[in-house]
PDB file of all heavy atoms in Angstrom:
ATOM      1  N   ASN A   1     101.669 -90.214 -38.275  1.00  0.00           N
ATOM      2  CA  ASN A   1     102.501 -89.435 -37.459  1.00  0.00           C
ATOM      3  C   ASN A   1     103.884 -89.968 -37.140  1.00  0.00           C
ATOM      4  O   ASN A   1     104.160 -91.201 -37.530  1.00  0.00           O
ATOM      5  CB  ASN A   1     101.762 -89.061 -36.174  1.00  0.00           C
ATOM      6  CG  ASN A   1     101.617 -90.285 -35.245  1.00  0.00           C
ATOM      7  OD1 ASN A   1     102.469 -91.044 -34.926  1.00  0.00           O
ATOM      8  ND2 ASN A   1     100.273 -90.631 -34.831  1.00  0.00           N
ATOM      9  N   LEU A   2     104.841 -89.213 -36.568  1.00  0.00           N
ATOM     10  CA  LEU A   2     106.149 -89.602 -36.456  1.00  0.00           C
ATOM     11  C   LEU A   2     106.277 -90.917 -35.620  1.00  0.00           C
ATOM     12  O   LEU A   2     107.078 -91.875 -35.980  1.00  0.00           O
ATOM     13  CB  LEU A   2     106.877 -88.523 -35.716  1.00  0.00           C
ATOM     14  CG  LEU A   2     108.372 -88.845 -35.338  1.00  0.00           C
ATOM     15  CD1 LEU A   2     109.195 -89.237 -36.565  1.00  0.00           C
ATOM     16  CD2 LEU A   2     109.021 -87.612 -34.513  1.00  0.00           C
ATOM     17  N   MET A   3     105.508 -91.054 -34.513  1.00  0.00           N
ATOM     18  CA  MET A   3     105.659 -92.304 -33.726  1.00  0.00           C
ATOM     19  C   MET A   3     105.194 -93.515 -34.518  1.00  0.00           C
ATOM     20  O   MET A   3     105.917 -94.564 -34.401  1.00  0.00           O
ATOM     21  CB  MET A   3     104.896 -92.111 -32.370  1.00  0.00           C
ATOM     22  CG  MET A   3     105.196 -93.026 -31.291  1.00  0.00           C
ATOM     23  SD  MET A   3     104.374 -92.753 -29.782  1.00  0.00           S
ATOM     24  CE  MET A   3     105.269 -91.251 -29.239  1.00  0.00           C
ATOM     25  N   GLN A   4     104.122 -93.400 -35.251  1.00  0.00           N
ATOM     26  CA  GLN A   4     103.752 -94.454 -36.067  1.00  0.00           C
ATOM     27  C   GLN A   4     104.811 -94.785 -37.183  1.00  0.00           C
ATOM     28  O   GLN A   4     105.025 -95.974 -37.370  1.00  0.00           O
ATOM     29  CB  GLN A   4     102.400 -94.101 -36.827  1.00  0.00           C
ATOM     30  CG  GLN A   4     101.152 -93.976 -35.914  1.00  0.00           C
ATOM     31  CD  GLN A   4      99.989 -93.548 -36.722  1.00  0.00           C
ATOM     32  OE1 GLN A   4     100.099 -92.705 -37.701  1.00  0.00           O
ATOM     33  NE2 GLN A   4      98.842 -94.023 -36.327  1.00  0.00           N
ATOM     34  N   VAL A   5     105.406 -93.831 -37.785  1.00  0.00           N
ATOM     35  CA  VAL A   5     106.430 -94.132 -38.833  1.00  0.00           C
ATOM     36  C   VAL A   5     107.620 -94.886 -38.180  1.00  0.00           C
ATOM     37  O   VAL A   5     108.065 -95.872 -38.698  1.00  0.00           O
ATOM     38  CB  VAL A   5     106.779 -92.812 -39.314  1.00  0.00           C
ATOM     39  CG1 VAL A   5     108.118 -93.044 -40.290  1.00  0.00           C
ATOM     40  CG2 VAL A   5     105.752 -92.155 -40.220  1.00  0.00           C
ATOM     41  N   VAL A   6     108.083 -94.369 -36.917  1.00  0.00           N
ATOM     42  CA  VAL A   6     109.207 -95.081 -36.389  1.00  0.00           C
ATOM     43  C   VAL A   6     108.902 -96.495 -36.047  1.00  0.00           C
ATOM     44  O   VAL A   6     109.704 -97.378 -36.302  1.00  0.00           O
ATOM     45  CB  VAL A   6     109.671 -94.249 -35.089  1.00  0.00           C
ATOM     46  CG1 VAL A   6     110.728 -95.042 -34.364  1.00  0.00           C
ATOM     47  CG2 VAL A   6     110.238 -92.827 -35.539  1.00  0.00           C
ATOM     48  N   HIS A   7     107.732 -96.711 -35.397  1.00  0.00           N
ATOM     49  CA  HIS A   7     107.314 -98.072 -35.032  1.00  0.00           C
ATOM     50  C   HIS A   7     107.136 -98.884 -36.288  1.00  0.00           C
ATOM     51  O   HIS A   7     107.500-100.142 -36.275  1.00  0.00           O
ATOM     52  CB  HIS A   7     106.104 -98.053 -34.255  1.00  0.00           C
ATOM     53  CG  HIS A   7     106.267 -97.269 -32.880  1.00  0.00           C
ATOM     54  ND1 HIS A   7     105.099 -96.825 -32.104  1.00  0.00           N
ATOM     55  CD2 HIS A   7     107.357 -96.945 -32.214  1.00  0.00           C
ATOM     56  CE1 HIS A   7     105.603 -96.322 -31.122  1.00  0.00           C
ATOM     57  NE2 HIS A   7     106.859 -96.285 -31.149  1.00  0.00           N
ATOM     58  N   GLU A   8     106.595 -98.416 -37.344  1.00  0.00           N
ATOM     59  CA  GLU A   8     106.463 -99.249 -38.505  1.00  0.00           C
ATOM     60  C   GLU A   8     107.834 -99.562 -39.174  1.00  0.00           C
ATOM     61  O   GLU A   8     108.022-100.617 -39.655  1.00  0.00           O
ATOM     62  CB  GLU A   8     105.630 -98.466 -39.607  1.00  0.00           C
ATOM     63  CG  GLU A   8     104.149 -98.608 -39.314  1.00  0.00           C
ATOM     64  CD  GLU A   8     103.628-100.158 -39.472  1.00  0.00           C
ATOM     65  OE1 GLU A   8     103.426-100.591 -40.493  1.00  0.00           O
ATOM     66  OE2 GLU A   8     103.504-100.818 -38.285  1.00  0.00           O
ATOM     67  N   GLU A   9     108.762 -98.562 -39.116  1.00  0.00           N
ATOM     68  CA  GLU A   9     110.070 -98.898 -39.654  1.00  0.00           C
ATOM     69  C   GLU A   9     110.887-100.032 -38.824  1.00  0.00           C
ATOM     70  O   GLU A   9     111.353-100.848 -39.359  1.00  0.00           O
ATOM     71  CB  GLU A   9     110.939 -97.626 -39.613  1.00  0.00           C
ATOM     72  CG  GLU A   9     110.489 -96.667 -40.711  1.00  0.00           C
ATOM     73  CD  GLU A   9     111.254 -95.257 -40.700  1.00  0.00           C
ATOM     74  OE1 GLU A   9     111.903 -94.925 -39.724  1.00  0.00           O
ATOM     75  OE2 GLU A   9     111.071 -94.505 -41.643  1.00  0.00           O
ATOM     76  N   LEU A  10     110.534 -99.932 -37.517  1.00  0.00           N
ATOM     77  CA  LEU A  10     111.085-101.070 -36.689  1.00  0.00           C
ATOM     78  C   LEU A  10     110.363-102.318 -37.038  1.00  0.00           C
ATOM     79  O   LEU A  10     111.077-103.466 -37.099  1.00  0.00           O
ATOM     80  CB  LEU A  10     110.873-100.704 -35.221  1.00  0.00           C
ATOM     81  CG  LEU A  10     111.840 -99.669 -34.626  1.00  0.00           C
ATOM     82  CD1 LEU A  10     111.172 -99.190 -33.262  1.00  0.00           C
ATOM     83  CD2 LEU A  10     113.154-100.304 -34.356  1.00  0.00           C
ATOM     84  N   ARG A  11     109.016-102.350 -37.201  1.00  0.00           N
ATOM     85  CA  ARG A  11     108.310-103.517 -37.414  1.00  0.00           C
ATOM     86  C   ARG A  11     108.732-104.278 -38.702  1.00  0.00           C
ATOM     87  O   ARG A  11     108.643-105.481 -38.936  1.00  0.00           O
ATOM     88  CB  ARG A  11     106.834-103.229 -37.330  1.00  0.00           C
ATOM     89  CG  ARG A  11     105.877-104.518 -37.161  1.00  0.00           C
ATOM     90  CD  ARG A  11     104.471-104.086 -36.999  1.00  0.00           C
ATOM     91  NE  ARG A  11     103.912-103.487 -38.176  1.00  0.00           N
ATOM     92  CZ  ARG A  11     103.357-104.231 -39.155  1.00  0.00           C
ATOM     93  NH1 ARG A  11     103.285-105.530 -39.028  1.00  0.00           N
ATOM     94  NH2 ARG A  11     102.766-103.672 -40.266  1.00  0.00           N
ATOM     95  N   SER A  12     109.120-103.361 -39.673  1.00  0.00           N
ATOM     96  CA  SER A  12     109.408-103.919 -41.088  1.00  0.00           C
ATOM     97  C   SER A  12     110.907-104.305 -41.291  1.00  0.00           C
ATOM     98  O   SER A  12     111.213-104.775 -42.311  1.00  0.00           O
ATOM     99  CB  SER A  12     109.088-102.880 -42.070  1.00  0.00           C
ATOM    100  OG  SER A  12     109.949-101.753 -41.977  1.00  0.00           O
ATOM    101  N   LEU A  13     111.712-104.228 -40.217  1.00  0.00           N
ATOM    102  CA  LEU A  13     113.092-104.662 -40.263  1.00  0.00           C
ATOM    103  C   LEU A  13     113.159-106.070 -40.621  1.00  0.00           C
ATOM    104  O   LEU A  13     112.407-106.931 -40.089  1.00  0.00           O
ATOM    105  CB  LEU A  13     113.882-104.405 -39.001  1.00  0.00           C
ATOM    106  CG  LEU A  13     114.287-102.963 -38.697  1.00  0.00           C
ATOM    107  CD1 LEU A  13     114.834-102.786 -37.265  1.00  0.00           C
ATOM    108  CD2 LEU A  13     115.386-102.477 -39.689  1.00  0.00           C
ATOM    109  N   PRO A  14     114.202-106.412 -41.465  1.00  0.00           N
ATOM    110  CA  PRO A  14     114.428-107.877 -41.740  1.00  0.00           C
ATOM    111  C   PRO A  14     115.032-108.641 -40.613  1.00  0.00           C
ATOM    112  O   PRO A  14     114.816-109.957 -40.518  1.00  0.00           O
ATOM    113  CB  PRO A  14     115.375-107.882 -43.028  1.00  0.00           C
ATOM    114  CG  PRO A  14     116.136-106.590 -42.782  1.00  0.00           C
ATOM    115  CD  PRO A  14     115.184-105.636 -42.277  1.00  0.00           C
ATOM    116  N   GLN A  15     115.642-107.951 -39.741  1.00  0.00           N
ATOM    117  CA  GLN A  15     116.177-108.726 -38.457  1.00  0.00           C
ATOM    118  C   GLN A  15     115.065-109.060 -37.558  1.00  0.00           C
ATOM    119  O   GLN A  15     113.980-108.459 -37.555  1.00  0.00           O
ATOM    120  CB  GLN A  15     117.163-107.773 -37.765  1.00  0.00           C
ATOM    121  CG  GLN A  15     118.491-107.534 -38.604  1.00  0.00           C
ATOM    122  CD  GLN A  15     118.425-106.193 -39.504  1.00  0.00           C
ATOM    123  OE1 GLN A  15     117.313-105.636 -39.740  1.00  0.00           O
ATOM    124  NE2 GLN A  15     119.550-105.867 -40.009  1.00  0.00           N
ATOM    125  N   VAL A  16     115.352-109.963 -36.736  1.00  0.00           N
ATOM    126  CA  VAL A  16     114.432-110.348 -35.623  1.00  0.00           C
ATOM    127  C   VAL A  16     114.685-109.365 -34.554  1.00  0.00           C
ATOM    128  O   VAL A  16     115.804-109.058 -33.954  1.00  0.00           O
ATOM    129  CB  VAL A  16     114.750-111.765 -35.097  1.00  0.00           C
ATOM    130  CG1 VAL A  16     113.817-112.019 -33.822  1.00  0.00           C
ATOM    131  CG2 VAL A  16     114.409-112.717 -36.217  1.00  0.00           C
ATOM    132  N   THR A  17     113.618-108.693 -33.931  1.00  0.00           N
ATOM    133  CA  THR A  17     113.669-107.693 -32.924  1.00  0.00           C
ATOM    134  C   THR A  17     113.017-108.271 -31.634  1.00  0.00           C
ATOM    135  O   THR A  17     111.976-108.855 -31.602  1.00  0.00           O
ATOM    136  CB  THR A  17     112.936-106.387 -33.266  1.00  0.00           C
ATOM    137  OG1 THR A  17     111.648-106.693 -33.784  1.00  0.00           O
ATOM    138  CG2 THR A  17     113.649-105.720 -34.482  1.00  0.00           C
ATOM    139  N   ILE A  18     113.827-108.075 -30.551  1.00  0.00           N
ATOM    140  CA  ILE A  18     113.481-108.566 -29.314  1.00  0.00           C
ATOM    141  C   ILE A  18     113.529-107.441 -28.235  1.00  0.00           C
ATOM    142  O   ILE A  18     114.475-106.693 -28.301  1.00  0.00           O
ATOM    143  CB  ILE A  18     114.309-109.781 -28.843  1.00  0.00           C
ATOM    144  CG1 ILE A  18     114.312-110.927 -29.877  1.00  0.00           C
ATOM    145  CG2 ILE A  18     114.023-110.341 -27.505  1.00  0.00           C
ATOM    146  CD1 ILE A  18     115.330-112.037 -29.653  1.00  0.00           C
ATOM    147  N   ALA A  19     112.657-107.466 -27.233  1.00  0.00           N
ATOM    148  CA  ALA A  19     112.650-106.547 -26.128  1.00  0.00           C
ATOM    149  C   ALA A  19     112.822-107.285 -24.889  1.00  0.00           C
ATOM    150  O   ALA A  19     112.205-108.342 -24.574  1.00  0.00           O
ATOM    151  CB  ALA A  19     111.536-105.654 -26.046  1.00  0.00           C
ATOM    152  N   LYS A  20     113.734-106.751 -23.910  1.00  0.00           N
ATOM    153  CA  LYS A  20     113.850-107.263 -22.590  1.00  0.00           C
ATOM    154  C   LYS A  20     113.266-106.266 -21.682  1.00  0.00           C
ATOM    155  O   LYS A  20     113.821-105.171 -21.445  1.00  0.00           O
ATOM    156  CB  LYS A  20     115.332-107.501 -22.280  1.00  0.00           C
ATOM    157  CG  LYS A  20     115.647-108.194 -20.913  1.00  0.00           C
ATOM    158  CD  LYS A  20     117.052-108.127 -20.570  1.00  0.00           C
ATOM    159  CE  LYS A  20     117.979-108.809 -21.582  1.00  0.00           C
ATOM    160  NZ  LYS A  20     119.401-108.765 -21.271  1.00  0.00           N
ATOM    161  N   LEU A  21     112.082-106.511 -21.154  1.00  0.00           N
ATOM    162  CA  LEU A  21     111.323-105.548 -20.368  1.00  0.00           C
ATOM    163  C   LEU A  21     111.572-105.788 -18.872  1.00  0.00           C
ATOM    164  O   LEU A  21     111.035-106.788 -18.291  1.00  0.00           O
ATOM    165  CB  LEU A  21     109.852-105.648 -20.748  1.00  0.00           C
ATOM    166  CG  LEU A  21     108.879-104.619 -19.990  1.00  0.00           C
ATOM    167  CD1 LEU A  21     109.363-103.189 -20.337  1.00  0.00           C
ATOM    168  CD2 LEU A  21     107.528-104.891 -20.367  1.00  0.00           C
ATOM    169  N   THR A  22     112.336-104.883 -18.200  1.00  0.00           N
ATOM    170  CA  THR A  22     112.532-105.000 -16.805  1.00  0.00           C
ATOM    171  C   THR A  22     112.162-103.756 -15.979  1.00  0.00           C
ATOM    172  O   THR A  22     112.416-103.543 -14.914  1.00  0.00           O
ATOM    173  CB  THR A  22     113.944-105.307 -16.501  1.00  0.00           C
ATOM    174  OG1 THR A  22     114.838-104.231 -17.070  1.00  0.00           O
ATOM    175  CG2 THR A  22     114.520-106.638 -17.149  1.00  0.00           C
ATOM    176  N   GLY A  23     111.162-103.013 -16.655  1.00  0.00           N
ATOM    177  CA  GLY A  23     110.666-101.764 -16.005  1.00  0.00           C
ATOM    178  C   GLY A  23     109.336-101.485 -16.529  1.00  0.00           C
ATOM    179  O   GLY A  23     108.596-102.447 -17.097  1.00  0.00           O
ATOM    180  N   LEU A  24     108.909-100.225 -16.529  1.00  0.00           N
ATOM    181  CA  LEU A  24     107.594 -99.824 -17.026  1.00  0.00           C
ATOM    182  C   LEU A  24     107.637 -99.291 -18.394  1.00  0.00           C
ATOM    183  O   LEU A  24     108.510 -98.672 -18.764  1.00  0.00           O
ATOM    184  CB  LEU A  24     107.014 -98.728 -16.048  1.00  0.00           C
ATOM    185  CG  LEU A  24     106.867 -99.140 -14.573  1.00  0.00           C
ATOM    186  CD1 LEU A  24     106.517 -97.921 -13.783  1.00  0.00           C
ATOM    187  CD2 LEU A  24     105.813-100.184 -14.414  1.00  0.00           C
ATOM    188  N   ALA A  25     106.553 -99.623 -19.117  1.00  0.00           N
ATOM    189  CA  ALA A  25     106.417 -99.074 -20.486  1.00  0.00           C
ATOM    190  C   ALA A  25     104.921 -98.774 -20.693  1.00  0.00           C
ATOM    191  O   ALA A  25     104.081 -99.687 -20.730  1.00  0.00           O
ATOM    192  CB  ALA A  25     106.851-100.156 -21.507  1.00  0.00           C
ATOM    193  N   ARG A  26     104.604 -97.514 -20.784  1.00  0.00           N
ATOM    194  CA  ARG A  26     103.267 -97.049 -20.994  1.00  0.00           C
ATOM    195  C   ARG A  26     103.133 -96.190 -22.338  1.00  0.00           C
ATOM    196  O   ARG A  26     104.171 -95.667 -22.826  1.00  0.00           O
ATOM    197  CB  ARG A  26     102.858 -96.204 -19.831  1.00  0.00           C
ATOM    198  CG  ARG A  26     102.806 -96.820 -18.419  1.00  0.00           C
ATOM    199  CD  ARG A  26     102.323 -95.867 -17.439  1.00  0.00           C
ATOM    200  NE  ARG A  26     102.207 -96.464 -16.025  1.00  0.00           N
ATOM    201  CZ  ARG A  26     103.122 -96.296 -15.072  1.00  0.00           C
ATOM    202  NH1 ARG A  26     104.320 -95.555 -15.325  1.00  0.00           N
ATOM    203  NH2 ARG A  26     102.951 -96.771 -13.918  1.00  0.00           N
TER     204      ARG A  26
END
């Protein structure tokens, strides 16, 4: 599905990806 595709495209990036979590994520 679309959400899986977007997350997989992010996961496969050659760059290092980092999140700064200062709120809620559900």
